Amino acid sequence: MPPEALSAPPVSDDSPTAWSCTIDTLRAGKECVFESDDSRGAPDAEQDAANRKTMKDLSRVLCTEVVATARDGLSDATLVSLCERRYVSATEQCGLGGGTPVVDAKGRFAAEARGCYRGLATVLQETQLMATVASSCCECAARRGCPGTGDRCYADVSQQLSSPATLACLSERCEDVCSVVLPTTGAGARSAPKSPVKERSPRSGSASL
């Protein structure tokens, strides 16, 4: 090693770490740290609009990915559309007043974008839950003419808030794909044998989420 190398000033590596909050951690739902140290400047309407557009432009990709991943590659156009609308609504808090880019040159979310990041992450996480728990059930409900379908179905089914009329229809027409979200007592009644032999329903507890 030449002598001049020993006296050279140290070179810092300020590239994003694996823990940095980026688009990749957002799409993966990972815990992260806001490492960007971009200083805040004066409010700028153009930068504010650019920040929101940057996040809005990702809505189709991220929503499509989260649904397909949760469903092993299968899509659900209704749920993707619902996710996109909710995601775009959440980007309204991503402008940051235009005082700083929402994502810096290294791809890291600005420290002031915590609310923006968490809002978008919440939409994606809730969509993942709906895709996992409610998607197949709601698709069947729409095909079979059950009440409470469309956007409402995904929220109601995933949170177990479906009306009695909807639950009755799901039980009768879509039991095979809705069994996990149907009330345990209802499942027990459907599967109970006619003889007085005491048996526990094979789906007992399956509605716990």
C-alpha atoms as a PDB file:
ATOM      1  CA  MET A   1       0.000   0.000   0.000  1.00  0.00           C
ATOM      2  CA  PRO A   2       1.524   3.340  -1.004  1.00  0.00           C
ATOM      3  CA  PRO A   3       2.176   5.837   1.834  1.00  0.00           C
ATOM      4  CA  GLU A   4      -0.254   8.375   0.389  1.00  0.00           C
ATOM      5  CA  ALA A   5      -3.077   5.850   0.736  1.00  0.00           C
ATOM      6  CA  LEU A   6      -2.543   5.739   4.497  1.00  0.00           C
ATOM      7  CA  SER A   7      -2.939   9.489   4.818  1.00  0.00           C
ATOM      8  CA  ALA A   8      -5.971   9.767   2.543  1.00  0.00           C
ATOM      9  CA  PRO A   9      -9.235  10.809   4.244  1.00  0.00           C
ATOM     10  CA  PRO A  10     -11.646   7.966   4.918  1.00  0.00           C
ATOM     11  CA  VAL A  11     -14.350   7.373   2.353  1.00  0.00           C
ATOM     12  CA  SER A  12     -17.802   6.880   3.810  1.00  0.00           C
ATOM     13  CA  ASP A  13     -20.349   4.593   2.242  1.00  0.00           C
ATOM     14  CA  ASP A  14     -23.671   6.409   2.400  1.00  0.00           C
ATOM     15  CA  SER A  15     -25.530   4.010   0.135  1.00  0.00           C
ATOM     16  CA  PRO A  16     -28.839   2.708   1.512  1.00  0.00           C
ATOM     17  CA  THR A  17     -28.510  -0.087   4.054  1.00  0.00           C
ATOM     18  CA  ALA A  18     -30.700  -3.166   4.090  1.00  0.00           C
ATOM     19  CA  TRP A  19     -32.801  -1.454   6.771  1.00  0.00           C
ATOM     20  CA  SER A  20     -33.475   1.732   4.822  1.00  0.00           C
ATOM     21  CA  CYS A  21     -37.102   2.534   3.957  1.00  0.00           C
ATOM     22  CA  THR A  22     -37.394   2.194   0.180  1.00  0.00           C
ATOM     23  CA  ILE A  23     -39.975   1.177  -2.398  1.00  0.00           C
ATOM     24  CA  ASP A  24     -38.702  -2.395  -2.005  1.00  0.00           C
ATOM     25  CA  THR A  25     -39.378  -2.459   1.745  1.00  0.00           C
ATOM     26  CA  LEU A  26     -42.788  -0.911   1.092  1.00  0.00           C
ATOM     27  CA  ARG A  27     -43.766  -3.608  -1.398  1.00  0.00           C
ATOM     28  CA  ALA A  28     -42.386  -6.359   0.863  1.00  0.00           C
ATOM     29  CA  GLY A  29     -44.003  -5.025   4.026  1.00  0.00           C
ATOM     30  CA  LYS A  30     -40.690  -5.031   5.895  1.00  0.00           C
ATOM     31  CA  GLU A  31     -39.745  -3.034   8.966  1.00  0.00           C
ATOM     32  CA  CYS A  32     -37.337  -0.265   8.029  1.00  0.00           C
ATOM     33  CA  VAL A  33     -35.482   2.861   9.138  1.00  0.00           C
ATOM     34  CA  PHE A  34     -35.801   6.335   7.627  1.00  0.00           C
ATOM     35  CA  GLU A  35     -32.154   7.004   6.794  1.00  0.00           C
ATOM     36  CA  SER A  36     -32.468   9.833   4.292  1.00  0.00           C
ATOM     37  CA  ASP A  37     -30.952  13.037   5.642  1.00  0.00           C
ATOM     38  CA  ASP A  38     -32.109  15.418   2.911  1.00  0.00           C
ATOM     39  CA  SER A  39     -32.622  18.820   4.483  1.00  0.00           C
ATOM     40  CA  ARG A  40     -35.999  20.473   4.141  1.00  0.00           C
ATOM     41  CA  GLY A  41     -36.216  23.467   1.856  1.00  0.00           C
ATOM     42  CA  ALA A  42     -38.867  26.055   1.194  1.00  0.00           C
ATOM     43  CA  PRO A  43     -42.350  24.876   0.189  1.00  0.00           C
ATOM     44  CA  ASP A  44     -42.617  24.243  -3.533  1.00  0.00           C
ATOM     45  CA  ALA A  45     -45.929  23.483  -5.230  1.00  0.00           C
ATOM     46  CA  GLU A  46     -44.278  21.749  -8.187  1.00  0.00           C
ATOM     47  CA  GLN A  47     -42.226  19.478  -5.926  1.00  0.00           C
ATOM     48  CA  ASP A  48     -45.326  18.731  -3.865  1.00  0.00           C
ATOM     49  CA  ALA A  49     -47.189  17.630  -6.997  1.00  0.00           C
ATOM     50  CA  ALA A  50     -44.171  15.648  -8.204  1.00  0.00           C
ATOM     51  CA  ASN A  51     -43.942  13.821  -4.868  1.00  0.00           C
ATOM     52  CA  ARG A  52     -47.569  12.752  -5.006  1.00  0.00           C
ATOM     53  CA  LYS A  53     -47.280  11.731  -8.658  1.00  0.00           C
ATOM     54  CA  THR A  54     -44.197   9.622  -7.874  1.00  0.00           C
ATOM     55  CA  MET A  55     -46.206   7.597  -5.380  1.00  0.00           C
ATOM     56  CA  LYS A  56     -49.406   7.498  -7.459  1.00  0.00           C
ATOM     57  CA  ASP A  57     -47.531   6.087 -10.447  1.00  0.00           C
ATOM     58  CA  LEU A  58     -46.683   3.006  -8.366  1.00  0.00           C
ATOM     59  CA  SER A  59     -50.281   2.210  -7.448  1.00  0.00           C
ATOM     60  CA  ARG A  60     -51.045  -0.246 -10.260  1.00  0.00           C
ATOM     61  CA  VAL A  61     -47.760  -2.129  -9.899  1.00  0.00           C
ATOM     62  CA  LEU A  62     -47.817  -2.434  -6.112  1.00  0.00           C
ATOM     63  CA  CYS A  63     -51.501  -3.320  -5.871  1.00  0.00           C
ATOM     64  CA  THR A  64     -51.250  -5.914  -8.627  1.00  0.00           C
ATOM     65  CA  GLU A  65     -48.179  -7.445  -6.989  1.00  0.00           C
ATOM     66  CA  VAL A  66     -49.621  -7.663  -3.491  1.00  0.00           C
ATOM     67  CA  VAL A  67     -52.805  -9.362  -4.701  1.00  0.00           C
ATOM     68  CA  ALA A  68     -50.989 -11.821  -6.965  1.00  0.00           C
ATOM     69  CA  THR A  69     -48.444 -12.683  -4.265  1.00  0.00           C
ATOM     70  CA  ALA A  70     -51.136 -13.377  -1.676  1.00  0.00           C
ATOM     71  CA  ARG A  71     -53.068 -15.537  -4.172  1.00  0.00           C
ATOM     72  CA  ASP A  72     -50.145 -17.553  -5.535  1.00  0.00           C
ATOM     73  CA  GLY A  73     -50.110 -15.744  -8.863  1.00  0.00           C
ATOM     74  CA  LEU A  74     -53.860 -15.327  -9.352  1.00  0.00           C
ATOM     75  CA  SER A  75     -55.234 -11.860  -9.970  1.00  0.00           C
ATOM     76  CA  ASP A  76     -58.458 -10.243  -8.771  1.00  0.00           C
ATOM     77  CA  ALA A  77     -59.369  -7.199 -10.837  1.00  0.00           C
ATOM     78  CA  THR A  78     -61.983  -5.969  -8.364  1.00  0.00           C
ATOM     79  CA  LEU A  79     -59.600  -6.060  -5.419  1.00  0.00           C
ATOM     80  CA  VAL A  80     -56.741  -4.511  -7.411  1.00  0.00           C
ATOM     81  CA  SER A  81     -59.046  -1.656  -8.388  1.00  0.00           C
ATOM     82  CA  LEU A  82     -60.125  -1.178  -4.760  1.00  0.00           C
ATOM     83  CA  CYS A  83     -56.480  -1.184  -3.650  1.00  0.00           C
ATOM     84  CA  GLU A  84     -55.538   1.390  -6.295  1.00  0.00           C
ATOM     85  CA  ARG A  85     -58.264   3.793  -5.226  1.00  0.00           C
ATOM     86  CA  ARG A  86     -57.325   3.526  -1.569  1.00  0.00           C
ATOM     87  CA  TYR A  87     -53.615   3.789  -2.380  1.00  0.00           C
ATOM     88  CA  VAL A  88     -54.088   6.907  -4.519  1.00  0.00           C
ATOM     89  CA  SER A  89     -56.129   8.467  -1.726  1.00  0.00           C
ATOM     90  CA  ALA A  90     -53.287   7.750   0.714  1.00  0.00           C
ATOM     91  CA  THR A  91     -50.759   9.510  -1.545  1.00  0.00           C
ATOM     92  CA  GLU A  92     -52.393  12.843  -0.744  1.00  0.00           C
ATOM     93  CA  GLN A  93     -50.191  12.979   2.354  1.00  0.00           C
ATOM     94  CA  CYS A  94     -47.042  12.320   0.300  1.00  0.00           C
ATOM     95  CA  GLY A  95     -46.555  15.811  -1.146  1.00  0.00           C
ATOM     96  CA  LEU A  96     -44.641  16.981   1.961  1.00  0.00           C
ATOM     97  CA  GLY A  97     -45.430  20.534   0.961  1.00  0.00           C
ATOM     98  CA  GLY A  98     -42.737  20.249  -1.682  1.00  0.00           C
ATOM     99  CA  GLY A  99     -40.048  21.008   0.894  1.00  0.00           C
ATOM    100  CA  THR A 100     -38.120  17.850   0.031  1.00  0.00           C
ATOM    101  CA  PRO A 101     -38.377  14.960  -2.443  1.00  0.00           C
ATOM    102  CA  VAL A 102     -40.447  12.129  -0.993  1.00  0.00           C
ATOM    103  CA  VAL A 103     -37.715   9.720  -2.148  1.00  0.00           C
ATOM    104  CA  ASP A 104     -34.091  10.857  -2.345  1.00  0.00           C
ATOM    105  CA  ALA A 105     -31.577  10.208  -5.120  1.00  0.00           C
ATOM    106  CA  LYS A 106     -30.586   6.916  -3.464  1.00  0.00           C
ATOM    107  CA  GLY A 107     -34.139   5.623  -3.375  1.00  0.00           C
ATOM    108  CA  ARG A 108     -34.730   6.233   0.339  1.00  0.00           C
ATOM    109  CA  PHE A 109     -37.925   7.720   1.721  1.00  0.00           C
ATOM    110  CA  ALA A 110     -37.420  11.121   3.318  1.00  0.00           C
ATOM    111  CA  ALA A 111     -37.570  11.244   7.097  1.00  0.00           C
ATOM    112  CA  GLU A 112     -40.558  13.571   6.796  1.00  0.00           C
ATOM    113  CA  ALA A 113     -42.372  10.965   4.711  1.00  0.00           C
ATOM    114  CA  ARG A 114     -43.116   8.691   7.672  1.00  0.00           C
ATOM    115  CA  GLY A 115     -46.844   9.414   7.532  1.00  0.00           C
ATOM    116  CA  CYS A 116     -46.874   8.905   3.775  1.00  0.00           C
ATOM    117  CA  TYR A 117     -44.986   5.615   4.005  1.00  0.00           C
ATOM    118  CA  ARG A 118     -47.149   4.234   6.792  1.00  0.00           C
ATOM    119  CA  GLY A 119     -50.338   5.243   5.023  1.00  0.00           C
ATOM    120  CA  LEU A 120     -49.301   3.432   1.848  1.00  0.00           C
ATOM    121  CA  ALA A 121     -48.027   0.426   3.812  1.00  0.00           C
ATOM    122  CA  THR A 122     -51.356   0.155   5.625  1.00  0.00           C
ATOM    123  CA  VAL A 123     -53.260   0.054   2.328  1.00  0.00           C
ATOM    124  CA  LEU A 124     -50.996  -2.700   0.980  1.00  0.00           C
ATOM    125  CA  GLN A 125     -51.147  -4.730   4.205  1.00  0.00           C
ATOM    126  CA  GLU A 126     -54.931  -4.543   4.349  1.00  0.00           C
ATOM    127  CA  THR A 127     -55.123  -5.507   0.678  1.00  0.00           C
ATOM    128  CA  GLN A 128     -52.891  -8.497   1.353  1.00  0.00           C
ATOM    129  CA  LEU A 129     -55.239  -9.615   4.132  1.00  0.00           C
ATOM    130  CA  MET A 130     -58.291  -9.203   1.903  1.00  0.00           C
ATOM    131  CA  ALA A 131     -56.596 -11.105  -0.922  1.00  0.00           C
ATOM    132  CA  THR A 132     -55.665 -13.955   1.399  1.00  0.00           C
ATOM    133  CA  VAL A 133     -58.916 -14.236   3.335  1.00  0.00           C
ATOM    134  CA  ALA A 134     -61.685 -12.770   1.209  1.00  0.00           C
ATOM    135  CA  SER A 135     -60.750 -12.757  -2.471  1.00  0.00           C
ATOM    136  CA  SER A 136     -61.932 -16.208  -3.558  1.00  0.00           C
ATOM    137  CA  CYS A 137     -65.016 -15.937  -1.370  1.00  0.00           C
ATOM    138  CA  CYS A 138     -66.008 -12.536  -2.767  1.00  0.00           C
ATOM    139  CA  GLU A 139     -65.437 -13.664  -6.351  1.00  0.00           C
ATOM    140  CA  CYS A 140     -67.812 -16.565  -5.741  1.00  0.00           C
ATOM    141  CA  ALA A 141     -70.320 -14.288  -3.996  1.00  0.00           C
ATOM    142  CA  ALA A 142     -70.399 -12.002  -7.038  1.00  0.00           C
ATOM    143  CA  ARG A 143     -70.852 -14.927  -9.436  1.00  0.00           C
ATOM    144  CA  ARG A 144     -73.604 -16.526  -7.366  1.00  0.00           C
ATOM    145  CA  GLY A 145     -75.562 -13.328  -6.735  1.00  0.00           C
ATOM    146  CA  CYS A 146     -75.074 -13.003  -2.990  1.00  0.00           C
ATOM    147  CA  PRO A 147     -75.866  -9.652  -1.330  1.00  0.00           C
ATOM    148  CA  GLY A 148     -73.108  -7.336  -0.154  1.00  0.00           C
ATOM    149  CA  THR A 149     -70.700  -7.958  -3.037  1.00  0.00           C
ATOM    150  CA  GLY A 150     -68.165  -5.657  -4.683  1.00  0.00           C
ATOM    151  CA  ASP A 151     -65.824  -3.503  -2.620  1.00  0.00           C
ATOM    152  CA  ARG A 152     -67.945  -3.955   0.481  1.00  0.00           C
ATOM    153  CA  CYS A 153     -67.541  -7.715   0.410  1.00  0.00           C
ATOM    154  CA  TYR A 154     -63.757  -7.620   0.825  1.00  0.00           C
ATOM    155  CA  ALA A 155     -63.839  -5.429   3.919  1.00  0.00           C
ATOM    156  CA  ASP A 156     -66.820  -7.189   5.484  1.00  0.00           C
ATOM    157  CA  VAL A 157     -65.549 -10.712   4.887  1.00  0.00           C
ATOM    158  CA  SER A 158     -61.968 -10.021   6.013  1.00  0.00           C
ATOM    159  CA  GLN A 159     -63.234  -8.331   9.195  1.00  0.00           C
ATOM    160  CA  GLN A 160     -66.068 -10.843   9.723  1.00  0.00           C
ATOM    161  CA  LEU A 161     -68.700  -8.108   9.474  1.00  0.00           C
ATOM    162  CA  SER A 162     -70.910  -9.646   6.786  1.00  0.00           C
ATOM    163  CA  SER A 163     -74.654  -9.378   7.322  1.00  0.00           C
ATOM    164  CA  PRO A 164     -76.707 -12.457   8.263  1.00  0.00           C
ATOM    165  CA  ALA A 165     -78.240 -12.494   4.777  1.00  0.00           C
ATOM    166  CA  THR A 166     -74.806 -12.448   3.166  1.00  0.00           C
ATOM    167  CA  LEU A 167     -73.494 -15.171   5.475  1.00  0.00           C
ATOM    168  CA  ALA A 168     -76.484 -17.364   4.704  1.00  0.00           C
ATOM    169  CA  CYS A 169     -75.877 -16.975   0.977  1.00  0.00           C
ATOM    170  CA  LEU A 170     -72.145 -17.640   1.322  1.00  0.00           C
ATOM    171  CA  SER A 171     -72.881 -20.722   3.385  1.00  0.00           C
ATOM    172  CA  GLU A 172     -75.343 -22.065   0.835  1.00  0.00           C
ATOM    173  CA  ARG A 173     -73.641 -21.139  -2.436  1.00  0.00           C
ATOM    174  CA  CYS A 174     -69.923 -20.630  -1.707  1.00  0.00           C
ATOM    175  CA  GLU A 175     -69.141 -22.780   1.310  1.00  0.00           C
ATOM    176  CA  ASP A 176     -66.128 -24.422  -0.327  1.00  0.00           C
ATOM    177  CA  VAL A 177     -64.243 -21.118  -0.738  1.00  0.00           C
ATOM    178  CA  CYS A 178     -65.792 -19.194   2.168  1.00  0.00           C
ATOM    179  CA  SER A 179     -65.573 -21.771   4.961  1.00  0.00           C
ATOM    180  CA  VAL A 180     -62.663 -20.022   6.671  1.00  0.00           C
ATOM    181  CA  VAL A 181     -64.682 -16.829   7.173  1.00  0.00           C
ATOM    182  CA  LEU A 182     -68.044 -18.364   8.023  1.00  0.00           C
ATOM    183  CA  PRO A 183     -69.016 -18.396  11.718  1.00  0.00           C
ATOM    184  CA  THR A 184     -67.783 -21.471  13.530  1.00  0.00           C
ATOM    185  CA  THR A 185     -71.205 -22.152  14.987  1.00  0.00           C
ATOM    186  CA  GLY A 186     -72.716 -22.125  11.520  1.00  0.00           C
ATOM    187  CA  ALA A 187     -70.029 -24.476  10.269  1.00  0.00           C
ATOM    188  CA  GLY A 188     -70.732 -26.807  13.173  1.00  0.00           C
ATOM    189  CA  ALA A 189     -74.423 -26.820  12.409  1.00  0.00           C
ATOM    190  CA  ARG A 190     -73.796 -27.661   8.767  1.00  0.00           C
ATOM    191  CA  SER A 191     -71.341 -30.431   9.468  1.00  0.00           C
ATOM    192  CA  ALA A 192     -72.957 -31.941  12.584  1.00  0.00           C
ATOM    193  CA  PRO A 193     -74.095 -35.561  12.083  1.00  0.00           C
ATOM    194  CA  LYS A 194     -77.758 -36.419  12.461  1.00  0.00           C
ATOM    195  CA  SER A 195     -77.015 -39.014  15.144  1.00  0.00           C
ATOM    196  CA  PRO A 196     -76.613 -37.805  18.750  1.00  0.00           C
ATOM    197  CA  VAL A 197     -72.933 -38.724  18.774  1.00  0.00           C
ATOM    198  CA  LYS A 198     -71.007 -35.764  20.160  1.00  0.00           C
ATOM    199  CA  GLU A 199     -68.357 -34.592  17.777  1.00  0.00           C
ATOM    200  CA  ARG A 200     -66.415 -31.373  17.462  1.00  0.00           C
ATOM    201  CA  SER A 201     -66.799 -29.608  14.148  1.00  0.00           C
ATOM    202  CA  PRO A 202     -63.724 -30.271  11.935  1.00  0.00           C
ATOM    203  CA  ARG A 203     -63.576 -26.530  11.237  1.00  0.00           C
ATOM    204  CA  SER A 204     -63.808 -25.473  14.871  1.00  0.00           C
ATOM    205  CA  GLY A 205     -61.696 -22.382  15.364  1.00  0.00           C
ATOM    206  CA  SER A 206     -61.043 -21.896  11.659  1.00  0.00           C
ATOM    207  CA  ALA A 207     -62.597 -18.445  11.687  1.00  0.00           C
ATOM    208  CA  SER A 208     -59.933 -17.006  13.969  1.00  0.00           C
ATOM    209  CA  LEU A 209     -57.819 -14.543  12.025  1.00  0.00           C
END
